[in-house]
Amino acid sequence: MFMVKNMKQRVISAIVALIIVIPLVILGGYPYYIGVGLLSLIGFMEIIKVRNRKNIIPNINVAISLIGYILLVAFSVVNSTSFLIDYRLLVIVFLLCFVPLIINNKGKYDVDDAFFLVTSIIFLGVSFRYLIIVRNSNIHYLIYILLTTIMSDTFAHFFGTRIGRVKLCPNVSPNKTVEGMIGGTIFGTFIPTVYFLTFISQSANVFLTIVMSLTLSLIAQFGDLVFSAIKRKYGVKDYLKCDYFDQYADKDSINNLILSIESEIDKNYGKHAAINHYIDSYGFVPPFVLVKIMTMGQISRYYGLLKQNDRQTISKYFKISDKLLKQILLNVTLVRNFSAHNNRLYTFHSKFFISFKSINKTYDASDRLTNLYMVMKCMERLLDNNKKQQFINQVNNDIEELNKKLNAIGIDTILKIMGFPLNNYQ
């Protein structure tokens, strides 16, 4: 159901885009400049969003870099005949991105961020510039280039999904296949070549035209792989594939988890604003959005089925082992389910033992059962210092309130059942 909605939305989006883009291409001039300029600006902000998923660039630095990008776009409109870019403009871009490293830099903006902004500005700015120059030169040249890209992508997807078997570059894009690349290259070369020889130059050398179309088709597909690598680096695509889970894990468990998550996405599509946005705009939901709708059980199973190096990357953030984090998530899920069924939470004990020595070396856990105190102390490790203190204060306050209401049984008895070593949480 989700895939049907996804495909339907992509078709609708493509039709709307064509309705907007085709008139702009035909009109040319300032309507075309403004349209392409807005699209490139949206592209620039989307690249920033991708970067922010891993390392957030301060808004002030994004705003400053945006000034450099707008200057580059404006220069392209004013001087839209030459492929060369004024070196002074490039110097301004570098200064806007690198000077903040020296002035009032508190460590939130580093050299990697500056280089990321510079390369993004130049890459998208130059691409925007070339789109203007090519259109001003001859509309058929622009159509020829766009046709090469569209046909290569369309037929690569068509052949890849239907007859694709051999993975092209599984570490970058698991869905791309050699068969898809061959199909995309053939039709991405043939159709544009026919267009070139029909509408641009009927006397052109056929062999050279084929070579040119073939080269453009391969470049287009290579560019697609590059962008897939960028998305892969920042963890926003194709994570719900068996290839990204532990190869030694039970395949049925992985497939069942994927189906349950896709079902959760399907249920929330049309109800959850963030889910709607990412499905409509990108065709998938990134992990940092997905966790907002996943159940605790799904999160626990998802983490437990990840590849070990991915589990370790996540657990290092909390400065604990991946084994311990897996145990914590499992027991937090059990506590949640225990509460949901109106059980007496203070009696919670789990046979899924937590390696508690790494949390508290002196604690006596000789019964090899996980109790509520152990779960709460482990949860502290998942919180920052501020939230950790809030958590401790809340628990102590609740214990004091409970103590005031008790008559037939003492608070120490209840705390002992819960696993507390003393009569207070700290």
Protein backbone atom coordinates (compact mmCIF):
# COMPACT_ATOMS: atom_id res chain seq x y z
CA MET A 1 0.00 0.00 0.00
CA PHE A 2 2.83 2.35 0.93
CA MET A 3 4.68 1.60 -2.32
CA VAL A 4 1.51 2.28 -4.34
CA LYS A 5 1.03 5.64 -2.62
CA ASN A 6 4.70 6.41 -3.09
CA MET A 7 4.63 5.66 -6.82
CA LYS A 8 1.36 7.55 -7.30
CA GLN A 9 2.80 10.57 -5.52
CA ARG A 10 5.95 10.46 -7.67
CA VAL A 11 3.90 10.39 -10.87
CA ILE A 12 1.75 13.31 -9.69
CA SER A 13 4.86 15.27 -8.64
CA ALA A 14 6.50 14.61 -12.03
CA ILE A 15 3.41 15.82 -13.92
CA VAL A 16 3.19 18.99 -11.81
CA ALA A 17 6.92 19.62 -12.32
CA LEU A 18 6.58 19.25 -16.10
CA ILE A 19 3.60 21.62 -16.17
CA ILE A 20 5.75 24.22 -14.42
CA VAL A 21 9.11 23.60 -16.11
CA ILE A 22 8.10 23.22 -19.78
CA PRO A 23 6.58 26.73 -20.12
CA LEU A 24 9.62 28.25 -18.40
CA VAL A 25 12.01 26.48 -20.78
CA ILE A 26 9.99 27.62 -23.81
CA LEU A 27 9.70 31.23 -22.59
CA GLY A 28 13.36 31.60 -21.63
CA GLY A 29 14.58 34.99 -20.42
CA TYR A 30 13.81 36.20 -16.91
CA PRO A 31 10.90 33.76 -16.26
CA TYR A 32 13.36 30.93 -16.94
CA TYR A 33 16.13 32.59 -14.86
CA ILE A 34 13.80 33.04 -11.89
CA GLY A 35 12.38 29.51 -12.13
CA VAL A 36 15.77 27.80 -12.40
CA GLY A 37 17.19 30.14 -9.75
CA LEU A 38 14.49 29.15 -7.27
CA LEU A 39 15.01 25.46 -8.03
CA SER A 40 18.76 25.78 -7.47
CA LEU A 41 18.15 27.68 -4.24
CA ILE A 42 15.86 24.89 -3.02
CA GLY A 43 18.56 22.40 -4.01
CA PHE A 44 21.16 24.32 -1.99
CA MET A 45 18.96 24.33 1.11
CA GLU A 46 18.24 20.61 0.69
CA ILE A 47 21.99 19.88 0.65
CA ILE A 48 22.32 21.88 3.86
CA LYS A 49 19.53 19.80 5.40
CA VAL A 50 21.35 16.61 4.44
CA ARG A 51 24.53 17.91 6.11
CA ASN A 52 22.61 18.93 9.23
CA ARG A 53 21.46 15.35 9.77
CA LYS A 54 25.00 14.50 10.79
CA ASN A 55 26.53 17.79 11.88
CA ILE A 56 24.35 20.88 12.27
CA ILE A 57 25.75 24.02 10.68
CA PRO A 58 24.80 27.15 12.71
CA ASN A 59 22.01 29.18 11.09
CA ILE A 60 24.14 32.32 10.98
CA ASN A 61 26.78 30.53 8.88
CA VAL A 62 24.11 29.12 6.55
CA ALA A 63 22.69 32.64 6.13
CA ILE A 64 26.13 34.07 5.34
CA SER A 65 26.87 31.33 2.79
CA LEU A 66 23.45 31.95 1.27
CA ILE A 67 24.57 35.51 0.49
CA GLY A 68 27.51 34.10 -1.45
CA TYR A 69 25.25 31.71 -3.33
CA ILE A 70 22.78 34.45 -4.27
CA LEU A 71 25.67 36.63 -5.51
CA LEU A 72 26.89 33.75 -7.71
CA VAL A 73 23.36 33.21 -9.09
CA ALA A 74 22.88 36.94 -9.72
CA PHE A 75 26.22 37.11 -11.59
CA SER A 76 25.09 34.22 -13.79
CA VAL A 77 21.96 36.14 -14.77
CA VAL A 78 23.81 39.39 -15.50
CA ASN A 79 26.63 37.71 -17.42
CA SER A 80 24.91 34.73 -19.06
CA THR A 81 27.09 34.28 -22.16
CA SER A 82 30.48 33.24 -20.79
CA PHE A 83 31.30 29.93 -19.11
CA LEU A 84 33.98 31.67 -17.03
CA ILE A 85 33.26 32.90 -13.50
CA ASP A 86 34.83 36.08 -12.13
CA TYR A 87 37.60 35.05 -9.73
CA ARG A 88 36.68 37.94 -7.43
CA LEU A 89 33.31 36.34 -6.88
CA LEU A 90 34.95 33.07 -5.89
CA VAL A 91 37.17 34.95 -3.42
CA ILE A 92 34.06 36.49 -1.84
CA VAL A 93 32.50 33.03 -1.50
CA PHE A 94 35.62 31.69 0.21
CA LEU A 95 35.79 34.66 2.58
CA LEU A 96 32.13 34.40 3.52
CA CYS A 97 32.56 30.73 4.40
CA PHE A 98 36.01 30.77 6.04
CA VAL A 99 36.21 34.09 7.92
CA PRO A 100 33.61 32.92 10.50
CA LEU A 101 36.14 30.23 11.52
CA ILE A 102 38.31 33.04 12.95
CA ILE A 103 35.65 35.47 14.18
CA ASN A 104 33.58 34.36 17.18
CA ASN A 105 33.91 30.64 16.46
CA LYS A 106 32.82 28.54 19.44
CA GLY A 107 33.53 25.15 17.89
CA LYS A 108 30.09 24.69 16.37
CA TYR A 109 31.40 25.58 12.90
CA ASP A 110 34.58 23.90 11.65
CA VAL A 111 36.76 23.65 8.53
CA ASP A 112 34.77 20.68 7.19
CA ASP A 113 31.59 22.77 7.36
CA ALA A 114 33.29 25.65 5.54
CA PHE A 115 34.57 23.41 2.73
CA PHE A 116 31.14 21.75 2.50
CA LEU A 117 29.47 25.14 2.00
CA VAL A 118 32.06 26.35 -0.53
CA THR A 119 31.84 23.21 -2.67
CA SER A 120 28.04 23.23 -2.50
CA ILE A 121 27.87 26.87 -3.57
CA ILE A 122 30.30 26.39 -6.46
CA PHE A 123 28.80 23.09 -7.64
CA LEU A 124 25.18 24.27 -7.67
CA GLY A 125 26.09 27.80 -8.75
CA VAL A 126 28.09 26.57 -11.75
CA SER A 127 25.31 24.09 -12.65
CA PHE A 128 22.77 26.91 -12.57
CA ARG A 129 25.05 29.06 -14.70
CA TYR A 130 25.46 26.38 -17.36
CA LEU A 131 21.70 25.81 -17.54
CA ILE A 132 21.28 29.50 -18.38
CA ILE A 133 24.11 29.58 -20.92
CA VAL A 134 22.91 26.44 -22.72
CA ARG A 135 19.32 27.73 -22.87
CA ASN A 136 20.44 31.10 -24.23
CA SER A 137 22.55 29.36 -26.82
CA ASN A 138 19.85 27.03 -28.21
CA ILE A 139 16.76 25.56 -26.55
CA HIS A 140 17.35 22.28 -28.39
CA TYR A 141 20.74 21.86 -26.70
CA LEU A 142 19.05 22.13 -23.31
CA ILE A 143 16.35 19.62 -24.30
CA TYR A 144 19.03 17.26 -25.62
CA ILE A 145 20.93 17.33 -22.29
CA LEU A 146 17.76 16.93 -20.23
CA LEU A 147 16.60 14.11 -22.49
CA THR A 148 19.87 12.25 -21.98
CA THR A 149 19.56 12.48 -18.20
CA ILE A 150 15.86 11.59 -18.06
CA MET A 151 16.09 8.65 -20.48
CA SER A 152 19.16 7.23 -18.73
CA ASP A 153 17.50 7.39 -15.32
CA THR A 154 14.10 6.17 -16.50
CA PHE A 155 15.32 3.12 -18.41
CA ALA A 156 17.96 2.27 -15.80
CA HIS A 157 15.14 2.07 -13.26
CA PHE A 158 12.88 0.15 -15.68
CA PHE A 159 15.40 -2.55 -16.59
CA GLY A 160 16.87 -2.67 -13.09
CA THR A 161 13.53 -3.43 -11.42
CA ARG A 162 12.47 -6.00 -14.02
CA ILE A 163 15.55 -7.94 -15.04
CA GLY A 164 18.23 -6.61 -12.70
CA ARG A 165 20.24 -9.32 -10.94
CA VAL A 166 23.89 -8.23 -10.67
CA LYS A 167 24.47 -5.39 -8.20
CA LEU A 168 26.30 -2.44 -9.71
CA CYS A 169 27.61 -0.82 -6.55
CA PRO A 170 25.92 -2.39 -3.51
CA ASN A 171 27.85 -0.38 -0.92
CA VAL A 172 26.58 2.88 -2.41
CA SER A 173 23.20 2.03 -3.93
CA PRO A 174 21.94 -1.55 -3.42
CA ASN A 175 19.03 -1.10 -5.85
CA LYS A 176 21.17 -0.20 -8.85
CA THR A 177 22.13 -3.12 -11.10
CA VAL A 178 24.45 -3.76 -14.04
CA GLU A 179 21.44 -4.69 -16.20
CA GLY A 180 19.79 -1.40 -15.29
CA MET A 181 22.92 0.55 -16.17
CA ILE A 182 23.19 -1.18 -19.55
CA GLY A 183 19.51 -0.53 -20.34
CA GLY A 184 19.77 3.07 -19.22
CA THR A 185 22.93 3.61 -21.25
CA ILE A 186 21.46 2.11 -24.44
CA PHE A 187 18.26 4.15 -24.40
CA GLY A 188 19.98 7.17 -22.83
CA THR A 189 22.25 7.16 -25.87
CA PHE A 190 19.86 6.14 -28.65
CA ILE A 191 16.92 8.51 -28.01
CA PRO A 192 19.04 11.68 -27.46
CA THR A 193 21.16 10.82 -30.53
CA VAL A 194 18.01 10.62 -32.67
CA TYR A 195 16.83 13.95 -31.23
CA PHE A 196 20.21 15.62 -31.91
CA LEU A 197 20.37 14.40 -35.52
CA THR A 198 16.74 15.41 -36.11
CA PHE A 199 16.41 18.83 -34.43
CA ILE A 200 19.94 20.17 -33.88
CA SER A 201 22.13 19.09 -36.78
CA GLN A 202 21.09 16.64 -39.48
CA SER A 203 24.56 16.79 -40.99
CA ALA A 204 26.44 15.98 -37.78
CA ASN A 205 28.80 13.01 -37.68
CA VAL A 206 26.69 10.09 -36.46
CA PHE A 207 29.55 8.30 -34.73
CA LEU A 208 30.68 11.39 -32.82
CA THR A 209 27.07 12.15 -31.84
CA ILE A 210 26.67 8.62 -30.46
CA VAL A 211 29.93 8.93 -28.52
CA MET A 212 28.81 12.30 -27.12
CA SER A 213 25.40 10.92 -26.07
CA LEU A 214 27.02 7.81 -24.59
CA THR A 215 29.42 9.94 -22.55
CA LEU A 216 26.63 12.18 -21.24
CA SER A 217 24.52 9.14 -20.31
CA LEU A 218 27.38 7.58 -18.32
CA ILE A 219 28.11 10.92 -16.62
CA ALA A 220 24.43 11.24 -15.64
CA GLN A 221 24.43 7.77 -14.08
CA PHE A 222 27.75 8.40 -12.35
CA GLY A 223 26.31 11.62 -10.93
CA ASP A 224 23.34 9.67 -9.61
CA LEU A 225 25.73 7.30 -7.83
CA VAL A 226 27.60 10.26 -6.33
CA PHE A 227 24.40 11.69 -4.87
CA SER A 228 23.44 8.25 -3.58
CA ALA A 229 26.83 8.11 -1.85
CA ILE A 230 26.15 11.50 -0.25
CA LYS A 231 22.76 10.29 0.99
CA ARG A 232 24.35 7.08 2.20
CA LYS A 233 27.04 8.99 4.11
CA TYR A 234 24.42 11.00 5.96
CA GLY A 235 22.15 8.02 6.51
CA VAL A 236 18.98 9.02 4.72
CA LYS A 237 18.25 6.41 2.08
CA ASP A 238 17.61 2.69 1.59
CA TYR A 239 18.13 1.80 5.26
CA LEU A 240 15.06 -0.49 5.22
CA LYS A 241 16.79 -3.12 3.09
CA CYS A 242 18.04 -6.52 4.20
CA ASP A 243 21.53 -5.59 3.00
CA TYR A 244 21.82 -3.04 5.83
CA PHE A 245 21.09 -5.48 8.62
CA ASP A 246 23.32 -8.07 10.28
CA GLN A 247 24.04 -10.79 7.72
CA TYR A 248 23.94 -13.43 10.49
CA ALA A 249 20.54 -12.34 11.82
CA ASP A 250 17.41 -14.35 11.08
CA LYS A 251 16.08 -13.23 7.68
CA ASP A 252 12.45 -13.75 8.69
CA SER A 253 12.96 -11.48 11.70
CA ILE A 254 14.45 -8.78 9.45
CA ASN A 255 11.68 -9.05 6.87
CA ASN A 256 8.99 -8.99 9.56
CA LEU A 257 10.54 -5.89 11.10
CA ILE A 258 10.71 -4.13 7.72
CA LEU A 259 7.07 -5.01 7.01
CA SER A 260 5.95 -3.75 10.41
CA ILE A 261 7.84 -0.44 9.94
CA GLU A 262 6.44 0.03 6.42
CA SER A 263 2.98 -0.67 7.83
CA GLU A 264 3.59 2.00 10.49
CA ILE A 265 4.62 4.47 7.78
CA ASP A 266 1.52 3.58 5.78
CA LYS A 267 -0.74 4.16 8.80
CA ASN A 268 0.82 7.54 9.53
CA TYR A 269 0.89 8.79 5.93
CA GLY A 270 -1.76 11.49 5.70
CA LYS A 271 -1.77 11.97 9.48
CA HIS A 272 1.80 12.90 10.42
CA ALA A 273 3.16 16.12 8.88
CA ALA A 274 6.81 15.02 8.77
CA ILE A 275 5.92 11.64 7.24
CA ASN A 276 3.84 13.38 4.56
CA HIS A 277 6.63 15.82 3.78
CA TYR A 278 9.37 13.24 3.26
CA ILE A 279 7.26 10.76 1.30
CA ASP A 280 5.86 13.50 -0.95
CA SER A 281 9.22 15.26 -1.44
CA TYR A 282 11.74 12.41 -1.42
CA GLY A 283 9.82 9.14 -1.61
CA PHE A 284 11.17 7.77 1.69
CA VAL A 285 11.20 8.55 5.41
CA PRO A 286 14.66 9.09 6.99
CA PRO A 287 15.47 7.30 10.27
CA PHE A 288 15.48 10.46 12.42
CA VAL A 289 11.84 11.06 11.40
CA LEU A 290 10.84 7.39 11.51
CA VAL A 291 11.67 7.07 15.23
CA LYS A 292 8.86 9.54 15.96
CA ILE A 293 6.26 6.95 14.94
CA MET A 294 8.01 3.66 15.76
CA THR A 295 6.99 1.71 18.84
CA MET A 296 9.57 1.03 21.55
CA GLY A 297 9.50 -2.63 20.53
CA GLN A 298 10.27 -1.77 16.91
CA ILE A 299 13.17 0.47 17.95
CA SER A 300 14.58 -2.28 20.16
CA ARG A 301 14.31 -4.93 17.43
CA TYR A 302 15.68 -2.56 14.79
CA TYR A 303 18.77 -1.81 16.83
CA GLY A 304 19.29 -5.47 17.70
CA LEU A 305 19.23 -6.49 14.02
CA LEU A 306 21.65 -3.82 12.77
CA LYS A 307 25.16 -4.69 11.66
CA GLN A 308 27.57 -4.72 14.58
CA ASN A 309 29.60 -1.75 13.37
CA ASP A 310 26.39 0.30 13.11
CA ARG A 311 25.34 -0.76 16.61
CA GLN A 312 28.76 0.21 17.92
CA THR A 313 28.63 3.60 16.22
CA ILE A 314 25.33 4.32 17.99
CA SER A 315 26.37 2.92 21.37
CA LYS A 316 29.61 4.97 21.38
CA TYR A 317 27.46 8.08 21.43
CA PHE A 318 26.21 6.96 24.88
CA LYS A 319 29.68 5.71 25.91
CA ILE A 320 28.47 2.16 26.50
CA SER A 321 28.91 -1.14 24.64
CA ASP A 322 26.53 -2.17 21.88
CA LYS A 323 25.68 -5.28 23.91
CA LEU A 324 24.61 -3.19 26.91
CA LEU A 325 22.55 -0.78 24.78
CA LYS A 326 20.77 -3.74 23.21
CA GLN A 327 19.97 -5.09 26.69
CA ILE A 328 18.75 -1.70 27.88
CA LEU A 329 16.42 -1.19 24.92
CA LEU A 330 14.98 -4.67 25.35
CA ASN A 331 14.26 -4.12 29.05
CA VAL A 332 12.86 -0.62 28.54
CA THR A 333 10.46 -2.20 26.03
CA LEU A 334 9.46 -4.81 28.60
CA VAL A 335 8.88 -2.11 31.24
CA ARG A 336 6.72 -0.19 28.80
CA ASN A 337 4.64 -3.30 27.99
CA PHE A 338 4.45 -4.20 31.69
CA SER A 339 2.96 -0.77 32.44
CA ALA A 340 0.61 -0.85 29.45
CA HIS A 341 -1.09 -3.98 30.83
CA ASN A 342 -1.80 -2.33 34.20
CA ASN A 343 0.66 -4.54 36.09
CA ARG A 344 2.23 -3.36 39.36
CA LEU A 345 5.32 -1.72 37.95
CA TYR A 346 7.36 -1.85 41.16
CA THR A 347 7.36 -5.68 40.98
CA PHE A 348 8.98 -5.70 37.52
CA HIS A 349 11.69 -8.33 37.10
CA SER A 350 13.12 -9.57 33.81
CA LYS A 351 15.08 -12.69 32.96
CA PHE A 352 16.85 -10.69 30.22
CA PHE A 353 19.75 -9.73 32.41
CA ILE A 354 21.57 -6.40 32.01
CA SER A 355 25.36 -6.35 32.33
CA PHE A 356 25.02 -3.93 35.23
CA LYS A 357 28.63 -4.03 36.41
CA SER A 358 29.56 -1.43 33.80
CA ILE A 359 26.91 0.86 35.33
CA ASN A 360 27.48 0.14 39.03
CA LYS A 361 30.39 -2.11 39.98
CA THR A 362 29.30 -2.53 43.62
CA TYR A 363 25.66 -3.42 42.99
CA ASP A 364 24.62 -6.94 44.04
CA ALA A 365 22.80 -8.60 41.11
CA SER A 366 23.43 -12.19 42.16
CA ASP A 367 19.87 -13.27 41.32
CA ARG A 368 20.66 -12.61 37.63
CA LEU A 369 17.35 -10.78 37.16
CA THR A 370 16.88 -7.26 35.88
CA ASN A 371 14.81 -5.10 38.22
CA LEU A 372 13.27 -1.65 37.87
CA TYR A 373 16.12 0.11 39.66
CA MET A 374 18.64 -1.33 37.21
CA VAL A 375 16.54 -0.23 34.24
CA MET A 376 16.23 3.32 35.61
CA LYS A 377 19.97 3.62 36.29
CA CYS A 378 20.65 2.40 32.75
CA MET A 379 18.21 4.92 31.34
CA GLU A 380 20.29 7.66 32.99
CA ARG A 381 23.16 6.74 30.68
CA LEU A 382 21.00 7.56 27.65
CA LEU A 383 20.27 11.12 28.88
CA ASP A 384 22.37 14.27 28.79
CA ASN A 385 23.40 15.80 32.13
CA ASN A 386 20.49 18.22 32.30
CA LYS A 387 17.80 15.64 31.52
CA LYS A 388 19.54 13.10 33.75
CA GLN A 389 19.25 15.43 36.74
CA GLN A 390 15.62 16.15 35.91
CA PHE A 391 14.99 12.40 35.79
CA ILE A 392 16.63 11.81 39.17
CA ASN A 393 14.73 14.70 40.77
CA GLN A 394 11.43 13.40 39.37
CA VAL A 395 12.03 9.88 40.71
CA ASN A 396 13.01 11.20 44.16
CA ASN A 397 9.94 13.42 44.25
CA ASP A 398 7.71 10.49 43.30
CA ILE A 399 9.28 8.34 46.03
CA GLU A 400 8.62 11.06 48.60
CA GLU A 401 5.00 11.44 47.47
CA LEU A 402 4.50 7.67 47.59
CA ASN A 403 6.00 7.52 51.10
CA LYS A 404 3.40 10.03 52.33
CA LYS A 405 0.54 7.84 51.09
CA LEU A 406 1.73 4.50 52.47
CA ASN A 407 0.15 3.04 55.61
CA ALA A 408 0.23 -0.78 55.63
CA ILE A 409 3.71 -1.15 54.11
CA GLY A 410 6.92 0.83 54.45
CA ILE A 411 8.66 2.63 51.59
CA ASP A 412 11.87 0.64 52.23
CA THR A 413 10.06 -2.62 51.50
CA ILE A 414 8.81 -1.34 48.16
CA LEU A 415 12.22 0.09 47.25
CA LYS A 416 13.84 -3.24 48.08
CA ILE A 417 11.43 -5.07 45.77
CA MET A 418 12.27 -2.55 43.05
CA GLY A 419 15.97 -3.27 43.62
CA PHE A 420 17.03 -0.01 45.29
CA PRO A 421 20.16 -0.45 47.42
CA LEU A 422 19.10 2.49 49.66
CA ASN A 423 15.86 4.28 50.49
CA ASN A 424 16.51 7.04 47.99
CA TYR A 425 17.25 7.04 44.29
CA GLN A 426 20.66 8.70 44.42
